[in-house]
Amino acid sequence: MKIACVLLGLLPAWLSAQHCGFDSYSIIVVRPHAEGDTALIDGLRIMLLDKDNLPATATGTPFYLFQRNTDRPTQWMHPTTWKRHGKRQFPFAQDNYILVVPNHFHMEDHRVLVLDERPGNDGPRYRQQLLHLHASQSHRLCGRFDDEVYAVGPGESAFTPVNISLFER
């Protein structure tokens, strides 16, 4: 009887253990643009670096490359999930570059590196940019990844992408 009571008492904890597929994850959204222009620059290589300027890892698995929100994800989302949600996994992130990270990540220890490695001579080339991150630039995903507008909960900062101004070489 005691075991049944204990199991019954733990039932609410088990039921509320995971709210959604992104329960333990947050998103970093960046918008690289030329200085003085708001148009997003396509084709850039954007990486998350750790405090030693090495590609970021979580439990030994690398996951440092940002992707356009309109591109098919290759690192962190199962293909059936991607197909179910169409080309835009996170509508509130629009067409910006995104990276999904674990919630336990210490953003203050990481930086974003933007590299212009596009081939050819079409258009201007931009200098590399290194940007330090703050915890407020990472936004929780649970219950929000399908939304057009990021709903802010109590004590959370409003959603805005991290604007990165790039300068021509």
N, C-alpha and C. Protein backbone atom coordinates (compact mmCIF):
# COMPACT_ATOMS: atom_id res chain seq x y z
N MET A 1 0.82 -1.19 0.00
CA MET A 1 0.00 0.00 0.00
C MET A 1 0.87 1.26 0.00
N LYS A 2 1.98 1.21 0.77
CA LYS A 2 2.86 2.37 0.82
C LYS A 2 3.47 2.66 -0.54
N ILE A 3 3.83 1.61 -1.25
CA ILE A 3 4.43 1.79 -2.57
C ILE A 3 3.42 2.43 -3.52
N ALA A 4 2.19 2.00 -3.46
CA ALA A 4 1.14 2.57 -4.31
C ALA A 4 0.95 4.05 -4.00
N CYS A 5 0.99 4.43 -2.73
CA CYS A 5 0.85 5.84 -2.35
C CYS A 5 2.02 6.67 -2.86
N VAL A 6 3.22 6.12 -2.75
CA VAL A 6 4.40 6.82 -3.23
C VAL A 6 4.32 7.01 -4.75
N LEU A 7 3.97 5.94 -5.46
CA LEU A 7 3.84 6.03 -6.92
C LEU A 7 2.75 7.02 -7.32
N LEU A 8 1.65 7.01 -6.60
CA LEU A 8 0.57 7.95 -6.88
C LEU A 8 1.00 9.39 -6.58
N GLY A 9 1.81 9.57 -5.56
CA GLY A 9 2.32 10.90 -5.22
C GLY A 9 3.30 11.42 -6.25
N LEU A 10 4.05 10.52 -6.88
CA LEU A 10 5.03 10.93 -7.89
C LEU A 10 4.41 11.12 -9.28
N LEU A 11 3.20 10.67 -9.47
CA LEU A 11 2.55 10.76 -10.77
C LEU A 11 2.50 12.18 -11.33
N PRO A 12 2.15 13.22 -10.55
CA PRO A 12 2.15 14.58 -11.12
C PRO A 12 3.53 15.02 -11.61
N ALA A 13 4.58 14.62 -10.91
CA ALA A 13 5.94 14.98 -11.34
C ALA A 13 6.28 14.32 -12.67
N TRP A 14 5.88 13.05 -12.81
CA TRP A 14 6.15 12.35 -14.08
C TRP A 14 5.35 12.96 -15.22
N LEU A 15 4.12 13.34 -14.96
CA LEU A 15 3.27 13.89 -16.00
C LEU A 15 3.74 15.26 -16.47
N SER A 16 4.34 16.03 -15.57
CA SER A 16 4.78 17.37 -15.94
C SER A 16 6.27 17.42 -16.25
N ALA A 17 6.92 16.28 -16.38
CA ALA A 17 8.36 16.23 -16.58
C ALA A 17 8.78 16.86 -17.91
N GLN A 18 8.01 16.63 -18.97
CA GLN A 18 8.37 17.22 -20.24
C GLN A 18 7.12 17.83 -20.87
N HIS A 19 7.23 19.12 -21.23
CA HIS A 19 6.09 19.83 -21.78
C HIS A 19 5.99 19.71 -23.29
N CYS A 20 7.12 19.66 -23.95
CA CYS A 20 7.13 19.62 -25.41
C CYS A 20 8.45 19.06 -25.89
N GLY A 21 8.60 18.94 -27.19
CA GLY A 21 9.82 18.40 -27.77
C GLY A 21 11.04 19.27 -27.54
N PHE A 22 10.85 20.54 -27.22
CA PHE A 22 11.96 21.46 -27.00
C PHE A 22 12.01 21.91 -25.54
N ASP A 23 11.59 21.04 -24.62
CA ASP A 23 11.49 21.39 -23.21
C ASP A 23 12.82 21.86 -22.62
N SER A 24 13.91 21.30 -23.03
CA SER A 24 15.22 21.63 -22.45
C SER A 24 16.08 22.46 -23.37
N TYR A 25 15.46 23.15 -24.35
CA TYR A 25 16.24 23.87 -25.33
C TYR A 25 15.82 25.33 -25.47
N SER A 26 16.78 26.12 -25.89
CA SER A 26 16.57 27.53 -26.19
C SER A 26 17.08 27.80 -27.59
N ILE A 27 16.76 28.96 -28.11
CA ILE A 27 17.17 29.33 -29.46
C ILE A 27 17.94 30.64 -29.43
N ILE A 28 18.99 30.71 -30.23
CA ILE A 28 19.72 31.96 -30.44
C ILE A 28 19.41 32.37 -31.88
N VAL A 29 18.94 33.59 -32.07
CA VAL A 29 18.58 34.07 -33.40
C VAL A 29 19.45 35.29 -33.72
N VAL A 30 20.19 35.23 -34.82
CA VAL A 30 21.04 36.35 -35.22
C VAL A 30 20.64 36.86 -36.59
N ARG A 31 20.83 38.16 -36.79
CA ARG A 31 20.51 38.81 -38.07
C ARG A 31 21.72 39.62 -38.53
N PRO A 32 22.59 39.02 -39.35
CA PRO A 32 23.73 39.76 -39.89
C PRO A 32 23.29 40.65 -41.06
N HIS A 33 23.73 41.89 -41.04
CA HIS A 33 23.38 42.84 -42.10
C HIS A 33 24.53 43.82 -42.27
N ALA A 34 24.57 44.45 -43.43
CA ALA A 34 25.61 45.44 -43.69
C ALA A 34 25.35 46.68 -42.84
N GLU A 35 26.40 47.35 -42.44
CA GLU A 35 26.27 48.59 -41.68
C GLU A 35 25.42 49.58 -42.46
N GLY A 36 24.37 50.09 -41.83
CA GLY A 36 23.50 51.06 -42.47
C GLY A 36 22.38 50.44 -43.30
N ASP A 37 22.28 49.12 -43.32
CA ASP A 37 21.24 48.44 -44.10
C ASP A 37 20.60 47.39 -43.19
N THR A 38 19.33 47.12 -43.36
CA THR A 38 18.65 46.13 -42.52
C THR A 38 18.46 44.79 -43.23
N ALA A 39 18.82 44.70 -44.51
CA ALA A 39 18.63 43.47 -45.27
C ALA A 39 19.59 42.39 -44.78
N LEU A 40 19.07 41.20 -44.58
CA LEU A 40 19.86 40.06 -44.13
C LEU A 40 20.84 39.64 -45.23
N ILE A 41 22.06 39.31 -44.85
CA ILE A 41 23.07 38.85 -45.80
C ILE A 41 23.03 37.33 -45.82
N ASP A 42 22.79 36.78 -46.99
CA ASP A 42 22.67 35.33 -47.16
C ASP A 42 24.02 34.71 -47.47
N GLY A 43 24.19 33.42 -47.12
CA GLY A 43 25.37 32.67 -47.50
C GLY A 43 26.55 32.81 -46.56
N LEU A 44 26.36 33.39 -45.40
CA LEU A 44 27.45 33.55 -44.44
C LEU A 44 27.65 32.27 -43.63
N ARG A 45 28.83 32.09 -43.10
CA ARG A 45 29.09 30.99 -42.17
C ARG A 45 29.13 31.60 -40.77
N ILE A 46 28.21 31.15 -39.92
CA ILE A 46 28.09 31.70 -38.57
C ILE A 46 28.26 30.55 -37.59
N MET A 47 29.19 30.72 -36.64
CA MET A 47 29.52 29.66 -35.70
C MET A 47 29.44 30.15 -34.26
N LEU A 48 29.11 29.24 -33.37
CA LEU A 48 29.14 29.51 -31.94
C LEU A 48 30.46 28.96 -31.40
N LEU A 49 31.23 29.83 -30.76
CA LEU A 49 32.53 29.44 -30.22
C LEU A 49 32.48 29.45 -28.70
N ASP A 50 33.27 28.57 -28.08
CA ASP A 50 33.34 28.55 -26.62
C ASP A 50 34.36 29.56 -26.12
N LYS A 51 34.65 29.54 -24.82
CA LYS A 51 35.55 30.53 -24.23
C LYS A 51 36.99 30.41 -24.74
N ASP A 52 37.34 29.24 -25.32
CA ASP A 52 38.67 29.03 -25.89
C ASP A 52 38.69 29.26 -27.40
N ASN A 53 37.60 29.85 -27.94
CA ASN A 53 37.44 30.11 -29.37
C ASN A 53 37.46 28.83 -30.21
N LEU A 54 36.94 27.75 -29.64
CA LEU A 54 36.77 26.49 -30.36
C LEU A 54 35.28 26.29 -30.62
N PRO A 55 34.91 25.54 -31.66
CA PRO A 55 33.49 25.29 -31.91
C PRO A 55 32.80 24.70 -30.68
N ALA A 56 31.63 25.21 -30.35
CA ALA A 56 30.90 24.81 -29.15
C ALA A 56 30.43 23.36 -29.24
N THR A 57 30.39 22.71 -28.09
CA THR A 57 29.88 21.34 -27.98
C THR A 57 28.97 21.24 -26.77
N ALA A 58 28.11 20.24 -26.78
CA ALA A 58 27.29 19.91 -25.62
C ALA A 58 27.43 18.42 -25.40
N THR A 59 27.89 18.04 -24.24
CA THR A 59 28.17 16.64 -23.90
C THR A 59 28.99 15.95 -24.98
N GLY A 60 29.99 16.67 -25.49
CA GLY A 60 30.91 16.11 -26.47
C GLY A 60 30.44 16.14 -27.91
N THR A 61 29.20 16.55 -28.16
CA THR A 61 28.66 16.60 -29.52
C THR A 61 28.75 18.02 -30.07
N PRO A 62 29.42 18.23 -31.21
CA PRO A 62 29.48 19.58 -31.77
C PRO A 62 28.13 20.02 -32.32
N PHE A 63 27.79 21.28 -32.10
CA PHE A 63 26.54 21.83 -32.64
C PHE A 63 26.68 23.32 -32.83
N TYR A 64 27.69 23.76 -33.46
CA TYR A 64 28.08 25.15 -33.48
C TYR A 64 27.62 25.95 -34.70
N LEU A 65 27.13 25.33 -35.77
CA LEU A 65 26.80 26.07 -36.98
C LEU A 65 25.37 26.60 -36.97
N PHE A 66 25.23 27.88 -37.18
CA PHE A 66 23.92 28.50 -37.33
C PHE A 66 23.39 28.18 -38.72
N GLN A 67 22.07 28.08 -38.85
CA GLN A 67 21.44 27.84 -40.14
C GLN A 67 20.33 28.86 -40.34
N ARG A 68 20.03 29.14 -41.60
CA ARG A 68 18.89 30.00 -41.90
C ARG A 68 17.63 29.30 -41.43
N ASN A 69 16.71 30.02 -40.87
CA ASN A 69 15.45 29.44 -40.39
C ASN A 69 14.64 28.84 -41.53
N THR A 70 14.90 29.26 -42.75
CA THR A 70 14.16 28.73 -43.90
C THR A 70 14.82 27.50 -44.49
N ASP A 71 16.02 27.12 -44.02
CA ASP A 71 16.72 25.95 -44.54
C ASP A 71 16.35 24.71 -43.75
N ARG A 72 16.52 23.56 -44.38
CA ARG A 72 16.27 22.30 -43.69
C ARG A 72 17.35 22.09 -42.65
N PRO A 73 16.97 21.83 -41.39
CA PRO A 73 17.98 21.62 -40.35
C PRO A 73 18.71 20.30 -40.54
N THR A 74 19.99 20.29 -40.17
CA THR A 74 20.77 19.07 -40.30
C THR A 74 21.33 18.60 -38.97
N GLN A 75 21.32 19.43 -37.94
CA GLN A 75 22.00 19.08 -36.71
C GLN A 75 21.10 18.62 -35.58
N TRP A 76 19.90 19.18 -35.46
CA TRP A 76 19.20 18.98 -34.20
C TRP A 76 17.74 18.61 -34.32
N MET A 77 17.17 18.55 -35.52
CA MET A 77 15.75 18.24 -35.64
C MET A 77 15.55 17.01 -36.52
N HIS A 78 14.74 16.08 -36.07
CA HIS A 78 14.44 14.87 -36.83
C HIS A 78 13.70 15.26 -38.12
N PRO A 79 14.00 14.61 -39.25
CA PRO A 79 13.38 14.99 -40.53
C PRO A 79 11.85 14.97 -40.51
N THR A 80 11.23 14.03 -39.78
CA THR A 80 9.77 14.01 -39.75
C THR A 80 9.22 15.25 -39.07
N THR A 81 9.91 15.75 -38.07
CA THR A 81 9.50 16.99 -37.41
C THR A 81 9.63 18.15 -38.37
N TRP A 82 10.73 18.19 -39.12
CA TRP A 82 10.95 19.27 -40.08
C TRP A 82 9.86 19.26 -41.14
N LYS A 83 9.53 18.08 -41.67
CA LYS A 83 8.50 17.99 -42.70
C LYS A 83 7.13 18.41 -42.17
N ARG A 84 6.83 18.05 -40.92
CA ARG A 84 5.54 18.38 -40.33
C ARG A 84 5.37 19.88 -40.18
N HIS A 85 6.45 20.60 -39.90
CA HIS A 85 6.37 22.04 -39.69
C HIS A 85 6.70 22.84 -40.95
N GLY A 86 6.96 22.18 -42.05
CA GLY A 86 7.27 22.90 -43.28
C GLY A 86 8.67 23.46 -43.26
N LYS A 87 8.92 24.43 -44.12
CA LYS A 87 10.27 25.00 -44.23
C LYS A 87 10.62 25.92 -43.08
N ARG A 88 9.64 26.48 -42.39
CA ARG A 88 9.95 27.41 -41.31
C ARG A 88 9.72 26.72 -39.98
N GLN A 89 10.79 26.32 -39.31
CA GLN A 89 10.67 25.61 -38.06
C GLN A 89 10.20 26.52 -36.92
N PHE A 90 10.64 27.77 -36.93
CA PHE A 90 10.34 28.70 -35.86
C PHE A 90 9.82 29.99 -36.48
N PRO A 91 8.53 30.10 -36.73
CA PRO A 91 7.98 31.25 -37.45
C PRO A 91 8.36 32.60 -36.84
N PHE A 92 8.45 32.69 -35.52
CA PHE A 92 8.79 33.97 -34.89
C PHE A 92 10.21 34.41 -35.23
N ALA A 93 11.09 33.48 -35.64
CA ALA A 93 12.47 33.81 -35.97
C ALA A 93 12.61 34.32 -37.40
N GLN A 94 11.53 34.29 -38.16
CA GLN A 94 11.49 34.76 -39.55
C GLN A 94 12.58 34.10 -40.38
N ASP A 95 13.31 34.87 -41.21
CA ASP A 95 14.31 34.26 -42.09
C ASP A 95 15.73 34.40 -41.55
N ASN A 96 15.88 34.68 -40.29
CA ASN A 96 17.19 34.89 -39.68
C ASN A 96 17.95 33.57 -39.52
N TYR A 97 19.19 33.67 -39.06
CA TYR A 97 20.00 32.50 -38.75
C TYR A 97 19.68 32.05 -37.33
N ILE A 98 19.59 30.73 -37.12
CA ILE A 98 19.20 30.20 -35.81
C ILE A 98 20.16 29.10 -35.36
N LEU A 99 20.20 28.91 -34.04
CA LEU A 99 20.91 27.79 -33.45
C LEU A 99 20.16 27.40 -32.19
N VAL A 100 19.84 26.12 -32.06
CA VAL A 100 19.17 25.61 -30.87
C VAL A 100 20.24 25.09 -29.92
N VAL A 101 20.18 25.53 -28.65
CA VAL A 101 21.16 25.16 -27.63
C VAL A 101 20.45 24.63 -26.40
N PRO A 102 21.13 23.82 -25.59
CA PRO A 102 20.53 23.36 -24.33
C PRO A 102 20.32 24.53 -23.37
N ASN A 103 19.30 24.44 -22.53
CA ASN A 103 19.01 25.51 -21.57
C ASN A 103 20.13 25.75 -20.57
N HIS A 104 20.89 24.71 -20.25
CA HIS A 104 21.95 24.85 -19.24
C HIS A 104 23.20 25.56 -19.78
N PHE A 105 23.18 25.98 -21.02
CA PHE A 105 24.31 26.65 -21.63
C PHE A 105 24.59 27.98 -20.94
N HIS A 106 25.85 28.27 -20.68
CA HIS A 106 26.25 29.56 -20.10
C HIS A 106 26.64 30.48 -21.25
N MET A 107 25.71 31.32 -21.68
CA MET A 107 25.92 32.15 -22.86
C MET A 107 27.08 33.13 -22.69
N GLU A 108 27.34 33.54 -21.47
CA GLU A 108 28.41 34.52 -21.25
C GLU A 108 29.78 33.97 -21.64
N ASP A 109 29.91 32.63 -21.69
CA ASP A 109 31.18 32.00 -22.04
C ASP A 109 31.33 31.76 -23.54
N HIS A 110 30.35 32.21 -24.33
CA HIS A 110 30.36 31.92 -25.76
C HIS A 110 30.31 33.19 -26.61
N ARG A 111 30.78 33.02 -27.86
CA ARG A 111 30.80 34.11 -28.81
C ARG A 111 30.27 33.62 -30.14
N VAL A 112 29.78 34.55 -30.93
CA VAL A 112 29.33 34.24 -32.29
C VAL A 112 30.37 34.79 -33.25
N LEU A 113 30.82 33.94 -34.18
CA LEU A 113 31.77 34.34 -35.20
C LEU A 113 31.07 34.32 -36.55
N VAL A 114 31.12 35.45 -37.26
CA VAL A 114 30.50 35.56 -38.58
C VAL A 114 31.62 35.66 -39.61
N LEU A 115 31.60 34.73 -40.58
CA LEU A 115 32.61 34.69 -41.63
C LEU A 115 31.94 34.82 -42.98
N ASP A 116 32.53 35.62 -43.85
CA ASP A 116 32.04 35.75 -45.22
C ASP A 116 32.97 34.93 -46.10
N GLU A 117 32.58 33.69 -46.36
CA GLU A 117 33.38 32.77 -47.18
C GLU A 117 32.67 32.46 -48.49
N ARG A 118 31.81 33.35 -48.93
CA ARG A 118 31.05 33.12 -50.16
C ARG A 118 31.98 33.15 -51.36
N PRO A 119 31.79 32.19 -52.30
CA PRO A 119 32.64 32.16 -53.49
C PRO A 119 32.22 33.24 -54.49
N GLY A 120 33.16 33.57 -55.38
CA GLY A 120 32.85 34.50 -56.46
C GLY A 120 33.04 35.94 -56.09
N ASN A 121 32.74 36.81 -57.03
CA ASN A 121 32.94 38.25 -56.86
C ASN A 121 31.62 39.02 -56.87
N ASP A 122 30.50 38.35 -56.63
CA ASP A 122 29.21 39.02 -56.65
C ASP A 122 28.99 39.79 -55.34
N GLY A 123 28.95 41.08 -55.44
CA GLY A 123 28.64 41.90 -54.28
C GLY A 123 29.82 42.12 -53.36
N PRO A 124 29.61 42.90 -52.33
CA PRO A 124 30.69 43.23 -51.39
C PRO A 124 31.05 42.04 -50.50
N ARG A 125 32.26 42.07 -50.00
CA ARG A 125 32.74 41.08 -49.04
C ARG A 125 32.86 41.78 -47.68
N TYR A 126 32.60 41.02 -46.62
CA TYR A 126 32.57 41.60 -45.28
C TYR A 126 33.66 41.03 -44.40
N ARG A 127 34.15 41.86 -43.49
CA ARG A 127 35.15 41.43 -42.53
C ARG A 127 34.52 40.47 -41.53
N GLN A 128 35.34 39.59 -40.95
CA GLN A 128 34.80 38.70 -39.92
C GLN A 128 34.43 39.51 -38.69
N GLN A 129 33.43 39.04 -37.99
CA GLN A 129 32.92 39.74 -36.82
C GLN A 129 32.80 38.74 -35.68
N LEU A 130 33.28 39.11 -34.50
CA LEU A 130 33.18 38.29 -33.30
C LEU A 130 32.34 39.05 -32.29
N LEU A 131 31.28 38.41 -31.80
CA LEU A 131 30.32 39.07 -30.93
C LEU A 131 30.12 38.25 -29.67
N HIS A 132 30.25 38.88 -28.50
CA HIS A 132 29.99 38.22 -27.23
C HIS A 132 28.49 38.12 -27.01
N LEU A 133 28.07 37.05 -26.36
CA LEU A 133 26.65 36.82 -26.10
C LEU A 133 26.30 37.09 -24.64
N HIS A 134 25.03 37.35 -24.41
CA HIS A 134 24.49 37.56 -23.07
C HIS A 134 23.35 36.56 -22.88
N ALA A 135 23.07 36.16 -21.68
CA ALA A 135 22.01 35.18 -21.41
C ALA A 135 20.65 35.63 -21.95
N SER A 136 20.40 36.92 -22.01
CA SER A 136 19.11 37.41 -22.50
C SER A 136 18.95 37.22 -24.01
N GLN A 137 20.00 36.83 -24.71
CA GLN A 137 19.94 36.63 -26.16
C GLN A 137 19.59 35.19 -26.53
N SER A 138 19.31 34.38 -25.53
CA SER A 138 18.87 33.00 -25.72
C SER A 138 17.43 32.91 -25.23
N HIS A 139 16.54 32.34 -26.04
CA HIS A 139 15.11 32.33 -25.73
C HIS A 139 14.60 30.89 -25.66
N ARG A 140 13.87 30.57 -24.60
CA ARG A 140 13.31 29.22 -24.42
C ARG A 140 12.32 28.89 -25.53
N LEU A 141 12.30 27.60 -25.91
CA LEU A 141 11.46 27.18 -27.03
C LEU A 141 10.16 26.48 -26.63
N CYS A 142 10.11 25.87 -25.49
CA CYS A 142 8.95 25.06 -25.14
C CYS A 142 7.66 25.88 -25.22
N GLY A 143 6.72 25.40 -26.02
CA GLY A 143 5.44 26.05 -26.16
C GLY A 143 5.43 27.24 -27.09
N ARG A 144 6.55 27.53 -27.76
CA ARG A 144 6.62 28.72 -28.60
C ARG A 144 7.12 28.45 -30.02
N PHE A 145 7.64 27.27 -30.29
CA PHE A 145 8.30 27.05 -31.57
C PHE A 145 7.36 27.08 -32.76
N ASP A 146 6.06 26.90 -32.57
CA ASP A 146 5.10 26.96 -33.66
C ASP A 146 4.48 28.33 -33.84
N ASP A 147 4.77 29.26 -32.96
CA ASP A 147 4.08 30.55 -32.93
C ASP A 147 4.69 31.55 -33.90
N GLU A 148 3.81 32.39 -34.47
CA GLU A 148 4.26 33.49 -35.33
C GLU A 148 4.90 34.59 -34.49
N VAL A 149 4.40 34.77 -33.28
CA VAL A 149 4.92 35.78 -32.35
C VAL A 149 5.42 35.06 -31.11
N TYR A 150 6.61 35.42 -30.64
CA TYR A 150 7.18 34.81 -29.45
C TYR A 150 6.49 35.39 -28.22
N ALA A 151 5.73 34.55 -27.53
CA ALA A 151 5.02 34.99 -26.33
C ALA A 151 5.98 35.05 -25.15
N VAL A 152 6.08 36.20 -24.53
CA VAL A 152 7.01 36.39 -23.42
C VAL A 152 6.32 36.05 -22.12
N GLY A 153 6.95 35.20 -21.33
CA GLY A 153 6.43 34.82 -20.03
C GLY A 153 6.91 35.78 -18.95
N PRO A 154 6.40 35.62 -17.74
CA PRO A 154 6.81 36.48 -16.63
C PRO A 154 8.32 36.36 -16.37
N GLY A 155 8.98 37.49 -16.28
CA GLY A 155 10.41 37.51 -16.00
C GLY A 155 11.30 37.24 -17.19
N GLU A 156 10.73 37.07 -18.39
CA GLU A 156 11.53 36.82 -19.58
C GLU A 156 11.71 38.10 -20.38
N SER A 157 12.83 38.16 -21.08
CA SER A 157 13.06 39.33 -21.92
C SER A 157 12.33 39.18 -23.24
N ALA A 158 11.96 40.29 -23.85
CA ALA A 158 11.25 40.27 -25.13
C ALA A 158 12.15 39.69 -26.20
N PHE A 159 11.54 39.01 -27.16
CA PHE A 159 12.30 38.40 -28.25
C PHE A 159 12.72 39.45 -29.26
N THR A 160 13.99 39.50 -29.53
CA THR A 160 14.55 40.27 -30.64
C THR A 160 15.76 39.50 -31.14
N PRO A 161 15.95 39.43 -32.45
CA PRO A 161 17.17 38.78 -32.93
C PRO A 161 18.40 39.63 -32.58
N VAL A 162 19.53 38.97 -32.49
CA VAL A 162 20.79 39.66 -32.24
C VAL A 162 21.22 40.29 -33.56
N ASN A 163 21.23 41.60 -33.63
CA ASN A 163 21.66 42.30 -34.84
C ASN A 163 23.18 42.36 -34.89
N ILE A 164 23.74 41.95 -36.01
CA ILE A 164 25.19 41.96 -36.20
C ILE A 164 25.48 42.82 -37.42
N SER A 165 26.07 43.99 -37.19
CA SER A 165 26.44 44.89 -38.29
C SER A 165 27.79 44.47 -38.85
N LEU A 166 27.83 44.24 -40.14
CA LEU A 166 29.07 43.84 -40.81
C LEU A 166 29.62 45.00 -41.63
N PHE A 167 30.96 45.06 -41.70
CA PHE A 167 31.64 46.12 -42.41
C PHE A 167 32.38 45.54 -43.60
N GLU A 168 32.39 46.26 -44.70
CA GLU A 168 33.07 45.78 -45.91
C GLU A 168 34.58 45.70 -45.67
N ARG A 169 35.19 44.75 -46.39
CA ARG A 169 36.65 44.57 -46.30
C ARG A 169 37.35 45.70 -46.98
